[in-house]
N, C-alpha and C. Protein backbone atom coordinates (compact mmCIF):
# COMPACT_ATOMS: atom_id res chain seq x y z
N UNK A 1 17.10 6.39 20.42
CA UNK A 1 17.53 7.58 19.71
C UNK A 1 16.45 8.06 18.72
N UNK A 2 15.65 7.16 18.17
CA UNK A 2 14.58 7.60 17.27
C UNK A 2 13.62 8.52 18.00
N UNK A 3 13.28 8.17 19.24
CA UNK A 3 12.36 8.98 20.03
C UNK A 3 12.91 10.39 20.21
N UNK A 4 14.21 10.51 20.39
CA UNK A 4 14.85 11.80 20.59
C UNK A 4 15.01 12.58 19.29
N UNK A 5 14.70 11.97 18.16
CA UNK A 5 14.80 12.65 16.89
C UNK A 5 16.10 12.40 16.14
N UNK A 6 16.90 11.47 16.62
CA UNK A 6 18.14 11.13 15.95
C UNK A 6 17.89 10.04 14.93
N UNK A 7 18.36 10.25 13.72
CA UNK A 7 18.20 9.22 12.70
C UNK A 7 19.01 7.99 13.05
N UNK A 8 18.46 6.86 12.71
CA UNK A 8 19.15 5.60 12.92
C UNK A 8 19.59 5.06 11.57
N UNK A 9 20.61 4.21 11.55
CA UNK A 9 21.09 3.66 10.28
C UNK A 9 20.00 2.93 9.49
N UNK A 10 19.03 2.35 10.16
CA UNK A 10 17.98 1.60 9.48
C UNK A 10 16.82 2.45 9.00
N UNK A 11 16.82 3.76 9.30
CA UNK A 11 15.72 4.63 8.88
C UNK A 11 15.65 4.69 7.36
N UNK A 12 14.43 4.73 6.86
CA UNK A 12 14.22 4.80 5.41
C UNK A 12 13.79 6.21 5.04
N UNK A 13 14.06 6.63 3.81
CA UNK A 13 13.68 7.98 3.39
C UNK A 13 12.17 8.09 3.18
N UNK A 14 11.68 9.31 3.17
CA UNK A 14 10.28 9.56 2.84
C UNK A 14 10.11 9.43 1.33
N UNK A 15 8.95 8.96 0.91
CA UNK A 15 8.67 8.81 -0.51
C UNK A 15 7.86 7.56 -0.76
N UNK A 16 7.88 7.10 -2.01
CA UNK A 16 7.13 5.90 -2.37
C UNK A 16 7.78 5.19 -3.55
N UNK A 17 7.36 3.97 -3.79
CA UNK A 17 7.84 3.20 -4.93
C UNK A 17 7.28 3.85 -6.19
N UNK A 18 8.13 4.14 -7.19
CA UNK A 18 7.64 4.78 -8.41
C UNK A 18 6.47 3.99 -9.02
N UNK A 19 5.44 4.73 -9.41
CA UNK A 19 4.27 4.11 -10.03
C UNK A 19 3.23 3.63 -9.05
N UNK A 20 3.54 3.68 -7.76
CA UNK A 20 2.57 3.20 -6.78
C UNK A 20 1.48 4.25 -6.56
N UNK A 21 0.34 3.78 -6.11
CA UNK A 21 -0.81 4.63 -5.83
C UNK A 21 -1.15 4.46 -4.36
N UNK A 22 -1.31 5.57 -3.65
CA UNK A 22 -1.59 5.52 -2.22
C UNK A 22 -3.08 5.29 -1.98
N UNK A 23 -3.41 4.15 -1.39
CA UNK A 23 -4.78 3.84 -0.98
C UNK A 23 -4.70 3.45 0.49
N UNK A 24 -4.99 4.42 1.37
CA UNK A 24 -4.86 4.24 2.81
C UNK A 24 -5.77 3.12 3.29
N UNK A 25 -5.23 2.20 4.03
CA UNK A 25 -5.97 1.00 4.42
C UNK A 25 -7.25 1.30 5.20
N UNK A 26 -7.29 2.39 5.93
CA UNK A 26 -8.49 2.69 6.71
C UNK A 26 -9.68 3.09 5.84
N UNK A 27 -9.43 3.38 4.56
CA UNK A 27 -10.52 3.72 3.65
C UNK A 27 -11.41 2.52 3.34
N UNK A 28 -10.94 1.32 3.58
CA UNK A 28 -11.75 0.12 3.32
C UNK A 28 -12.48 -0.35 4.58
N UNK A 29 -12.35 0.42 5.65
CA UNK A 29 -13.00 0.08 6.91
C UNK A 29 -14.24 0.94 7.12
N UNK A 30 -15.23 0.36 7.77
CA UNK A 30 -16.42 1.10 8.13
C UNK A 30 -16.21 1.87 9.42
N UNK A 31 -17.24 2.60 9.85
CA UNK A 31 -17.17 3.39 11.08
C UNK A 31 -16.92 2.51 12.30
N UNK A 32 -17.30 1.22 12.19
CA UNK A 32 -17.10 0.29 13.30
C UNK A 32 -15.70 -0.30 13.34
N UNK A 33 -14.85 0.07 12.37
CA UNK A 33 -13.48 -0.43 12.33
C UNK A 33 -13.33 -1.76 11.63
N UNK A 34 -14.44 -2.31 11.13
CA UNK A 34 -14.41 -3.59 10.41
C UNK A 34 -14.41 -3.32 8.91
N UNK A 35 -14.00 -4.32 8.14
CA UNK A 35 -14.02 -4.17 6.69
C UNK A 35 -15.44 -3.88 6.21
N UNK A 36 -15.54 -3.00 5.22
CA UNK A 36 -16.84 -2.71 4.62
C UNK A 36 -17.35 -3.97 3.92
N UNK A 37 -18.62 -3.99 3.53
CA UNK A 37 -19.18 -5.19 2.89
C UNK A 37 -18.63 -5.34 1.48
N UNK A 38 -18.80 -6.53 0.92
CA UNK A 38 -18.21 -6.87 -0.38
C UNK A 38 -18.67 -5.92 -1.48
N UNK A 39 -19.93 -5.52 -1.48
CA UNK A 39 -20.44 -4.61 -2.51
C UNK A 39 -19.74 -3.26 -2.44
N UNK A 40 -19.59 -2.72 -1.24
CA UNK A 40 -18.89 -1.44 -1.07
C UNK A 40 -17.43 -1.56 -1.49
N UNK A 41 -16.81 -2.68 -1.18
CA UNK A 41 -15.40 -2.89 -1.57
C UNK A 41 -15.26 -3.03 -3.08
N UNK A 42 -16.22 -3.69 -3.72
CA UNK A 42 -16.18 -3.78 -5.19
C UNK A 42 -16.23 -2.38 -5.80
N UNK A 43 -17.07 -1.52 -5.24
CA UNK A 43 -17.14 -0.14 -5.72
C UNK A 43 -15.85 0.62 -5.47
N UNK A 44 -15.27 0.43 -4.31
CA UNK A 44 -14.03 1.12 -3.95
C UNK A 44 -12.89 0.74 -4.89
N UNK A 45 -12.79 -0.54 -5.23
CA UNK A 45 -11.70 -1.04 -6.07
C UNK A 45 -12.07 -1.12 -7.55
N UNK A 46 -13.23 -0.63 -7.95
CA UNK A 46 -13.70 -0.79 -9.34
C UNK A 46 -12.74 -0.18 -10.37
N UNK A 47 -12.00 0.84 -10.00
CA UNK A 47 -11.06 1.46 -10.93
C UNK A 47 -9.97 0.49 -11.38
N UNK A 48 -9.77 -0.58 -10.64
CA UNK A 48 -8.75 -1.57 -11.01
C UNK A 48 -9.14 -2.38 -12.24
N UNK A 49 -10.42 -2.35 -12.61
CA UNK A 49 -10.87 -3.09 -13.78
C UNK A 49 -10.18 -2.61 -15.05
N UNK A 50 -9.69 -1.36 -15.04
CA UNK A 50 -9.00 -0.79 -16.20
C UNK A 50 -7.58 -1.33 -16.34
N UNK A 51 -7.03 -1.90 -15.28
CA UNK A 51 -5.66 -2.40 -15.28
C UNK A 51 -5.62 -3.86 -15.70
N UNK A 52 -4.63 -4.20 -16.50
CA UNK A 52 -4.45 -5.59 -16.91
C UNK A 52 -3.64 -6.37 -15.88
N UNK A 53 -2.81 -5.67 -15.12
CA UNK A 53 -1.96 -6.33 -14.14
C UNK A 53 -2.67 -6.42 -12.79
N UNK A 54 -2.44 -7.51 -12.09
CA UNK A 54 -2.99 -7.67 -10.74
C UNK A 54 -2.26 -6.72 -9.80
N UNK A 55 -2.96 -6.13 -8.84
CA UNK A 55 -2.31 -5.19 -7.93
C UNK A 55 -1.37 -5.88 -6.95
N UNK A 56 -0.35 -5.14 -6.56
CA UNK A 56 0.56 -5.55 -5.50
C UNK A 56 0.42 -4.51 -4.40
N UNK A 57 0.09 -4.95 -3.20
CA UNK A 57 -0.11 -4.01 -2.09
C UNK A 57 1.15 -3.95 -1.23
N UNK A 58 1.40 -2.75 -0.72
CA UNK A 58 2.57 -2.56 0.14
C UNK A 58 2.23 -1.48 1.17
N UNK A 59 3.11 -1.33 2.13
CA UNK A 59 2.99 -0.29 3.15
C UNK A 59 4.40 -0.04 3.66
N UNK A 60 4.57 0.23 4.92
CA UNK A 60 5.90 0.46 5.46
C UNK A 60 6.72 -0.81 5.58
N UNK A 61 6.06 -1.89 6.04
CA UNK A 61 6.79 -3.15 6.24
C UNK A 61 6.03 -4.37 5.73
N UNK A 62 4.78 -4.21 5.34
CA UNK A 62 3.99 -5.33 4.83
C UNK A 62 2.88 -5.78 5.75
N UNK A 63 2.70 -5.09 6.87
CA UNK A 63 1.68 -5.52 7.83
C UNK A 63 0.32 -4.90 7.52
N UNK A 64 0.23 -3.57 7.53
CA UNK A 64 -1.08 -2.95 7.30
C UNK A 64 -1.57 -3.14 5.87
N UNK A 65 -0.67 -3.43 4.94
CA UNK A 65 -1.09 -3.69 3.56
C UNK A 65 -1.98 -4.93 3.49
N UNK A 66 -1.89 -5.79 4.47
CA UNK A 66 -2.72 -7.00 4.49
C UNK A 66 -4.21 -6.66 4.59
N UNK A 67 -4.55 -5.52 5.17
CA UNK A 67 -5.95 -5.09 5.23
C UNK A 67 -6.45 -4.85 3.81
N UNK A 68 -5.67 -4.12 3.00
CA UNK A 68 -6.06 -3.90 1.61
C UNK A 68 -6.08 -5.21 0.83
N UNK A 69 -5.14 -6.09 1.10
CA UNK A 69 -5.11 -7.37 0.41
C UNK A 69 -6.39 -8.16 0.68
N UNK A 70 -6.81 -8.22 1.92
CA UNK A 70 -8.04 -8.92 2.27
C UNK A 70 -9.25 -8.24 1.63
N UNK A 71 -9.27 -6.92 1.62
CA UNK A 71 -10.40 -6.21 1.02
C UNK A 71 -10.47 -6.45 -0.49
N UNK A 72 -9.33 -6.57 -1.14
CA UNK A 72 -9.30 -6.90 -2.57
C UNK A 72 -9.87 -8.29 -2.81
N UNK A 73 -9.52 -9.23 -1.95
CA UNK A 73 -10.06 -10.59 -2.05
C UNK A 73 -11.58 -10.56 -1.87
N UNK A 74 -12.05 -9.82 -0.88
CA UNK A 74 -13.49 -9.73 -0.64
C UNK A 74 -14.22 -9.06 -1.80
N UNK A 75 -13.54 -8.14 -2.49
CA UNK A 75 -14.13 -7.43 -3.63
C UNK A 75 -14.10 -8.27 -4.90
N UNK A 76 -13.44 -9.42 -4.85
CA UNK A 76 -13.38 -10.30 -6.01
C UNK A 76 -12.26 -9.98 -6.98
N UNK A 77 -11.30 -9.15 -6.57
CA UNK A 77 -10.16 -8.83 -7.42
C UNK A 77 -9.21 -10.02 -7.40
N UNK A 78 -8.95 -10.57 -8.55
CA UNK A 78 -8.13 -11.79 -8.65
C UNK A 78 -6.64 -11.47 -8.76
N UNK A 79 -5.84 -12.28 -8.12
CA UNK A 79 -4.39 -12.23 -8.28
C UNK A 79 -3.66 -11.17 -7.48
N UNK A 80 -4.35 -10.44 -6.61
CA UNK A 80 -3.67 -9.42 -5.81
C UNK A 80 -2.62 -10.09 -4.92
N UNK A 81 -1.49 -9.39 -4.75
CA UNK A 81 -0.38 -9.95 -3.98
C UNK A 81 0.15 -8.93 -2.98
N UNK A 82 0.84 -9.43 -1.99
CA UNK A 82 1.50 -8.61 -0.98
C UNK A 82 2.99 -8.50 -1.31
N UNK A 83 3.55 -7.31 -1.17
CA UNK A 83 5.00 -7.13 -1.26
C UNK A 83 5.52 -7.25 0.17
N UNK A 84 6.00 -8.44 0.57
CA UNK A 84 6.53 -8.60 1.93
C UNK A 84 7.74 -7.68 2.13
N UNK A 85 7.76 -7.01 3.23
CA UNK A 85 8.86 -6.08 3.50
C UNK A 85 8.56 -4.68 3.02
N UNK A 86 7.77 -4.57 1.97
CA UNK A 86 7.26 -3.32 1.44
C UNK A 86 8.33 -2.22 1.36
N UNK A 87 7.99 -1.02 1.82
CA UNK A 87 8.88 0.13 1.68
C UNK A 87 10.23 -0.09 2.34
N UNK A 88 10.25 -0.72 3.50
CA UNK A 88 11.53 -0.99 4.18
C UNK A 88 12.43 -1.84 3.30
N UNK A 89 11.88 -2.90 2.72
CA UNK A 89 12.65 -3.78 1.86
C UNK A 89 13.10 -3.05 0.60
N UNK A 90 12.19 -2.28 0.00
CA UNK A 90 12.50 -1.54 -1.22
C UNK A 90 13.71 -0.63 -1.00
N UNK A 91 13.71 0.10 0.10
CA UNK A 91 14.80 1.02 0.40
C UNK A 91 16.10 0.28 0.72
N UNK A 92 16.01 -0.80 1.47
CA UNK A 92 17.22 -1.57 1.80
C UNK A 92 17.86 -2.15 0.55
N UNK A 93 17.07 -2.44 -0.47
CA UNK A 93 17.60 -2.98 -1.72
C UNK A 93 18.06 -1.89 -2.69
N UNK A 94 17.94 -0.63 -2.27
CA UNK A 94 18.41 0.48 -3.11
C UNK A 94 17.43 0.88 -4.20
N UNK A 95 16.15 0.59 -4.00
CA UNK A 95 15.14 0.95 -5.00
C UNK A 95 15.00 2.46 -5.15
N UNK A 96 14.57 2.87 -6.32
CA UNK A 96 14.37 4.29 -6.60
C UNK A 96 13.28 4.86 -5.68
N UNK A 97 13.48 6.08 -5.22
CA UNK A 97 12.53 6.74 -4.33
C UNK A 97 11.81 7.84 -5.10
N UNK A 98 10.50 7.73 -5.20
CA UNK A 98 9.69 8.78 -5.84
C UNK A 98 9.08 9.64 -4.74
N UNK A 99 8.83 10.91 -5.05
CA UNK A 99 8.20 11.81 -4.10
C UNK A 99 7.08 12.57 -4.80
N UNK A 100 6.21 13.19 -4.04
CA UNK A 100 5.11 13.96 -4.60
C UNK A 100 3.85 13.12 -4.72
N UNK A 101 2.73 13.79 -5.00
CA UNK A 101 1.43 13.13 -5.06
C UNK A 101 1.24 12.31 -6.33
N UNK A 102 1.90 12.68 -7.42
CA UNK A 102 1.77 11.96 -8.69
C UNK A 102 2.55 10.66 -8.59
N UNK A 103 1.89 9.50 -8.84
CA UNK A 103 2.59 8.21 -8.71
C UNK A 103 3.81 8.09 -9.63
N UNK A 104 3.83 8.86 -10.73
CA UNK A 104 4.95 8.75 -11.66
C UNK A 104 6.00 9.83 -11.47
N UNK A 105 5.77 10.73 -10.52
CA UNK A 105 6.74 11.79 -10.23
C UNK A 105 7.97 11.19 -9.59
N UNK A 106 9.14 11.66 -9.99
CA UNK A 106 10.38 11.12 -9.45
C UNK A 106 11.16 12.21 -8.73
């Protein structure tokens, strides 16, 4: 029924976890589809130095977020964690749904 365009009971709404920042996992990959080198990844994630809290990565279900998690490890970012279940879990638990490009927009 999903293929036909019918919503299923398990479908989750569009949006994101409030306060989250979208960093598409393919941005840490090179043209060859492999992770960029450690120096490039340190530059990509350098903005995290301003944060006191370790990042938590998520995606739709927790699978593709592992690419960002590995890239954070390669960049030397300490304490990064995966949110297993990610957006699917958040919605099933009744978490607040934020929309829009601003991470704090509700």
